[in-house]
Amino acid sequence: MKKKPDFQWDENKNKLNQEKHGVSFALAQLAFLDPCRVILEDASHSQQEHRFYCVGRVTEGIMTVRFSYRNRQIRIIGAGYWRKGKRLYEEQNTVH
């Protein structure tokens, strides 16, 4: 049986993200459940740790979640409903 991933985050960053983007990290976890989600590496960000984007459908639309892997957990760094993520999601999930 495959184990669901564990999530973690910094609670102060979660509060700031909610103030800035109106999205809680608890809600952001749902993007990972979308079977059509898109995972991309954030090559432009950190040299110390690899960061990624998960772009997936959450009830209100297409959400982009920035994250990294730490200690076998997904650590959420930021999340929001951003146009660029929506565009990438739609490009990857268009039937040709």
N, C-alpha and C. Protein backbone atom coordinates (compact mmCIF):
# COMPACT_ATOMS: atom_id res chain seq x y z
N MET A 1 0.84 -1.18 0.00
CA MET A 1 0.00 0.00 0.00
C MET A 1 0.89 1.25 0.00
N LYS A 2 0.57 2.18 -0.86
CA LYS A 2 1.36 3.41 -0.97
C LYS A 2 0.93 4.40 0.10
N LYS A 3 1.91 4.95 0.81
CA LYS A 3 1.64 5.90 1.89
C LYS A 3 1.45 7.30 1.32
N LYS A 4 0.47 8.02 1.85
CA LYS A 4 0.26 9.41 1.44
C LYS A 4 1.42 10.25 1.95
N PRO A 5 1.79 11.29 1.21
CA PRO A 5 2.89 12.13 1.67
C PRO A 5 2.50 12.95 2.89
N ASP A 6 3.48 13.20 3.73
CA ASP A 6 3.28 14.07 4.87
C ASP A 6 3.68 15.48 4.46
N PHE A 7 2.97 16.45 4.99
CA PHE A 7 3.24 17.84 4.69
C PHE A 7 3.70 18.56 5.95
N GLN A 8 4.51 19.58 5.76
CA GLN A 8 4.94 20.45 6.85
C GLN A 8 5.11 21.85 6.31
N TRP A 9 5.12 22.82 7.21
CA TRP A 9 5.36 24.20 6.83
C TRP A 9 5.65 25.02 8.07
N ASP A 10 6.18 26.18 7.84
CA ASP A 10 6.43 27.16 8.88
C ASP A 10 5.13 27.93 9.10
N GLU A 11 4.63 27.93 10.32
CA GLU A 11 3.34 28.55 10.60
C GLU A 11 3.35 30.06 10.36
N ASN A 12 4.48 30.72 10.60
CA ASN A 12 4.56 32.16 10.31
C ASN A 12 4.45 32.42 8.81
N LYS A 13 5.11 31.58 8.00
CA LYS A 13 4.99 31.72 6.54
C LYS A 13 3.56 31.44 6.09
N ASN A 14 2.91 30.49 6.73
CA ASN A 14 1.52 30.18 6.41
C ASN A 14 0.64 31.42 6.64
N LYS A 15 0.82 32.07 7.77
CA LYS A 15 0.02 33.27 8.08
C LYS A 15 0.31 34.39 7.09
N LEU A 16 1.59 34.60 6.77
CA LEU A 16 1.94 35.63 5.78
C LEU A 16 1.35 35.31 4.41
N ASN A 17 1.39 34.04 4.03
CA ASN A 17 0.84 33.64 2.74
C ASN A 17 -0.67 33.89 2.69
N GLN A 18 -1.35 33.62 3.80
CA GLN A 18 -2.80 33.86 3.85
C GLN A 18 -3.10 35.36 3.71
N GLU A 19 -2.28 36.20 4.36
CA GLU A 19 -2.48 37.64 4.26
C GLU A 19 -2.21 38.14 2.84
N LYS A 20 -1.13 37.64 2.23
CA LYS A 20 -0.70 38.12 0.93
C LYS A 20 -1.50 37.53 -0.23
N HIS A 21 -1.78 36.21 -0.17
CA HIS A 21 -2.38 35.52 -1.31
C HIS A 21 -3.76 34.91 -1.01
N GLY A 22 -4.20 34.98 0.24
CA GLY A 22 -5.52 34.46 0.59
C GLY A 22 -5.63 32.95 0.57
N VAL A 23 -4.50 32.26 0.72
CA VAL A 23 -4.48 30.79 0.65
C VAL A 23 -3.73 30.23 1.86
N SER A 24 -4.36 29.29 2.56
CA SER A 24 -3.68 28.61 3.66
C SER A 24 -2.90 27.42 3.10
N PHE A 25 -1.84 27.04 3.80
CA PHE A 25 -1.06 25.88 3.37
C PHE A 25 -1.86 24.59 3.54
N ALA A 26 -2.79 24.56 4.49
CA ALA A 26 -3.65 23.37 4.64
C ALA A 26 -4.48 23.18 3.36
N LEU A 27 -5.01 24.26 2.81
CA LEU A 27 -5.76 24.17 1.55
C LEU A 27 -4.82 23.82 0.39
N ALA A 28 -3.62 24.35 0.41
CA ALA A 28 -2.65 24.13 -0.67
C ALA A 28 -2.31 22.64 -0.84
N GLN A 29 -2.40 21.86 0.22
CA GLN A 29 -2.12 20.42 0.13
C GLN A 29 -3.01 19.74 -0.92
N LEU A 30 -4.21 20.27 -1.11
CA LEU A 30 -5.16 19.64 -2.03
C LEU A 30 -4.68 19.64 -3.48
N ALA A 31 -3.80 20.57 -3.84
CA ALA A 31 -3.28 20.61 -5.21
C ALA A 31 -2.55 19.30 -5.55
N PHE A 32 -1.95 18.66 -4.55
CA PHE A 32 -1.20 17.42 -4.78
C PHE A 32 -2.12 16.23 -5.05
N LEU A 33 -3.41 16.36 -4.73
CA LEU A 33 -4.37 15.28 -4.94
C LEU A 33 -4.93 15.27 -6.35
N ASP A 34 -4.75 16.33 -7.09
CA ASP A 34 -5.26 16.41 -8.46
C ASP A 34 -4.50 15.41 -9.33
N PRO A 35 -5.20 14.44 -9.93
CA PRO A 35 -4.51 13.46 -10.77
C PRO A 35 -3.87 14.08 -12.02
N CYS A 36 -4.28 15.28 -12.38
CA CYS A 36 -3.72 15.97 -13.54
C CYS A 36 -2.70 17.03 -13.15
N ARG A 37 -2.29 17.02 -11.89
CA ARG A 37 -1.33 18.04 -11.41
C ARG A 37 -0.06 18.03 -12.25
N VAL A 38 0.63 19.16 -12.24
CA VAL A 38 1.89 19.30 -12.96
C VAL A 38 2.96 19.64 -11.92
N ILE A 39 4.07 18.91 -11.92
CA ILE A 39 5.19 19.18 -11.01
C ILE A 39 6.35 19.70 -11.86
N LEU A 40 6.88 20.85 -11.47
CA LEU A 40 7.98 21.48 -12.19
C LEU A 40 9.09 21.85 -11.21
N GLU A 41 10.32 21.78 -11.65
CA GLU A 41 11.43 22.21 -10.80
C GLU A 41 11.59 23.72 -10.89
N ASP A 42 11.83 24.35 -9.75
CA ASP A 42 12.09 25.79 -9.68
C ASP A 42 13.60 25.97 -9.77
N ALA A 43 14.13 25.92 -10.98
CA ALA A 43 15.58 25.95 -11.21
C ALA A 43 16.19 27.31 -10.89
N SER A 44 15.39 28.35 -10.86
CA SER A 44 15.93 29.70 -10.67
C SER A 44 16.05 30.09 -9.21
N HIS A 45 15.62 29.24 -8.28
CA HIS A 45 15.56 29.71 -6.90
C HIS A 45 16.80 29.38 -6.07
N SER A 46 16.75 28.31 -5.36
CA SER A 46 17.74 28.05 -4.32
C SER A 46 18.86 27.13 -4.80
N GLN A 47 20.06 27.45 -4.41
CA GLN A 47 21.20 26.58 -4.69
C GLN A 47 21.39 25.55 -3.57
N GLN A 48 20.89 25.84 -2.38
CA GLN A 48 21.07 24.93 -1.25
C GLN A 48 20.10 23.76 -1.27
N GLU A 49 18.88 23.97 -1.74
CA GLU A 49 17.92 22.88 -1.78
C GLU A 49 17.09 23.00 -3.07
N HIS A 50 16.69 21.86 -3.59
CA HIS A 50 15.87 21.86 -4.80
C HIS A 50 14.45 22.26 -4.42
N ARG A 51 13.88 23.17 -5.20
CA ARG A 51 12.51 23.59 -4.99
C ARG A 51 11.69 23.28 -6.23
N PHE A 52 10.41 23.12 -6.00
CA PHE A 52 9.50 22.69 -7.05
C PHE A 52 8.19 23.47 -6.98
N TYR A 53 7.42 23.35 -8.05
CA TYR A 53 6.06 23.86 -8.10
C TYR A 53 5.13 22.68 -8.33
N CYS A 54 4.03 22.65 -7.62
CA CYS A 54 2.94 21.73 -7.92
C CYS A 54 1.78 22.62 -8.37
N VAL A 55 1.29 22.38 -9.57
CA VAL A 55 0.17 23.15 -10.09
C VAL A 55 -1.00 22.18 -10.23
N GLY A 56 -2.05 22.43 -9.46
CA GLY A 56 -3.18 21.51 -9.48
C GLY A 56 -4.50 22.19 -9.17
N ARG A 57 -5.56 21.51 -9.53
CA ARG A 57 -6.90 22.05 -9.31
C ARG A 57 -7.28 21.92 -7.84
N VAL A 58 -7.71 23.02 -7.27
CA VAL A 58 -8.27 23.08 -5.93
C VAL A 58 -9.63 23.73 -6.12
N THR A 59 -10.56 23.49 -5.26
CA THR A 59 -11.95 23.88 -5.45
C THR A 59 -12.18 25.20 -6.18
N GLU A 60 -11.41 26.22 -5.86
CA GLU A 60 -11.65 27.55 -6.42
C GLU A 60 -10.94 27.80 -7.75
N GLY A 61 -10.10 26.90 -8.18
CA GLY A 61 -9.38 27.12 -9.43
C GLY A 61 -8.07 26.35 -9.47
N ILE A 62 -7.13 26.84 -10.26
CA ILE A 62 -5.83 26.19 -10.41
C ILE A 62 -4.84 26.88 -9.48
N MET A 63 -4.29 26.13 -8.54
CA MET A 63 -3.37 26.68 -7.53
C MET A 63 -1.94 26.26 -7.84
N THR A 64 -1.02 27.17 -7.58
CA THR A 64 0.41 26.88 -7.68
C THR A 64 0.98 26.82 -6.27
N VAL A 65 1.69 25.74 -5.96
CA VAL A 65 2.27 25.54 -4.63
C VAL A 65 3.77 25.40 -4.79
N ARG A 66 4.54 26.26 -4.12
CA ARG A 66 6.01 26.13 -4.10
C ARG A 66 6.36 25.23 -2.93
N PHE A 67 7.27 24.28 -3.18
CA PHE A 67 7.61 23.34 -2.12
C PHE A 67 9.00 22.77 -2.30
N SER A 68 9.48 22.11 -1.26
CA SER A 68 10.73 21.36 -1.30
C SER A 68 10.49 20.04 -0.55
N TYR A 69 11.45 19.14 -0.66
CA TYR A 69 11.38 17.89 0.10
C TYR A 69 12.37 17.99 1.25
N ARG A 70 11.90 17.75 2.46
CA ARG A 70 12.77 17.73 3.63
C ARG A 70 12.39 16.56 4.51
N ASN A 71 13.36 15.74 4.83
CA ASN A 71 13.12 14.60 5.73
C ASN A 71 11.91 13.77 5.30
N ARG A 72 11.86 13.47 4.01
CA ARG A 72 10.78 12.65 3.44
C ARG A 72 9.40 13.28 3.59
N GLN A 73 9.36 14.59 3.73
CA GLN A 73 8.10 15.31 3.80
C GLN A 73 8.09 16.41 2.75
N ILE A 74 6.89 16.79 2.35
CA ILE A 74 6.73 17.92 1.44
C ILE A 74 6.60 19.17 2.30
N ARG A 75 7.55 20.08 2.15
CA ARG A 75 7.52 21.33 2.92
C ARG A 75 7.00 22.43 2.02
N ILE A 76 5.81 22.93 2.34
CA ILE A 76 5.18 23.99 1.55
C ILE A 76 5.82 25.32 1.90
N ILE A 77 6.19 26.07 0.86
CA ILE A 77 6.89 27.34 1.01
C ILE A 77 5.99 28.52 0.66
N GLY A 78 5.09 28.33 -0.28
CA GLY A 78 4.18 29.39 -0.69
C GLY A 78 3.11 28.82 -1.60
N ALA A 79 1.99 29.54 -1.72
CA ALA A 79 0.90 29.06 -2.57
C ALA A 79 -0.02 30.21 -2.95
N GLY A 80 -0.61 30.08 -4.13
CA GLY A 80 -1.56 31.08 -4.58
C GLY A 80 -2.18 30.69 -5.90
N TYR A 81 -3.19 31.44 -6.28
CA TYR A 81 -3.84 31.26 -7.58
C TYR A 81 -3.20 32.24 -8.54
N TRP A 82 -2.17 31.79 -9.25
CA TRP A 82 -1.39 32.67 -10.13
C TRP A 82 -1.63 32.32 -11.58
N ARG A 83 -1.72 33.34 -12.43
CA ARG A 83 -2.02 33.15 -13.86
C ARG A 83 -1.01 32.25 -14.57
N LYS A 84 0.27 32.41 -14.26
CA LYS A 84 1.29 31.62 -14.94
C LYS A 84 1.09 30.13 -14.67
N GLY A 85 0.81 29.78 -13.42
CA GLY A 85 0.55 28.38 -13.08
C GLY A 85 -0.67 27.84 -13.78
N LYS A 86 -1.72 28.64 -13.84
CA LYS A 86 -2.95 28.22 -14.53
C LYS A 86 -2.67 27.97 -16.00
N ARG A 87 -1.91 28.84 -16.62
CA ARG A 87 -1.57 28.69 -18.04
C ARG A 87 -0.78 27.40 -18.27
N LEU A 88 0.22 27.14 -17.42
CA LEU A 88 1.01 25.91 -17.55
C LEU A 88 0.14 24.67 -17.38
N TYR A 89 -0.75 24.72 -16.40
CA TYR A 89 -1.65 23.59 -16.15
C TYR A 89 -2.51 23.31 -17.37
N GLU A 90 -3.08 24.38 -17.91
CA GLU A 90 -3.95 24.22 -19.08
C GLU A 90 -3.18 23.70 -20.30
N GLU A 91 -1.94 24.17 -20.47
CA GLU A 91 -1.12 23.68 -21.59
C GLU A 91 -0.82 22.19 -21.45
N GLN A 92 -0.53 21.75 -20.23
CA GLN A 92 -0.17 20.35 -19.99
C GLN A 92 -1.38 19.42 -20.05
N ASN A 93 -2.56 19.96 -19.83
CA ASN A 93 -3.76 19.12 -19.75
C ASN A 93 -4.73 19.33 -20.91
N THR A 94 -4.24 19.92 -22.00
CA THR A 94 -5.07 20.11 -23.18
C THR A 94 -5.02 18.85 -24.03
N VAL A 95 -6.17 18.40 -24.45
CA VAL A 95 -6.25 17.23 -25.33
C VAL A 95 -5.90 17.68 -26.74
N HIS A 96 -4.91 17.03 -27.35
CA HIS A 96 -4.45 17.40 -28.70
C HIS A 96 -5.14 16.57 -29.73
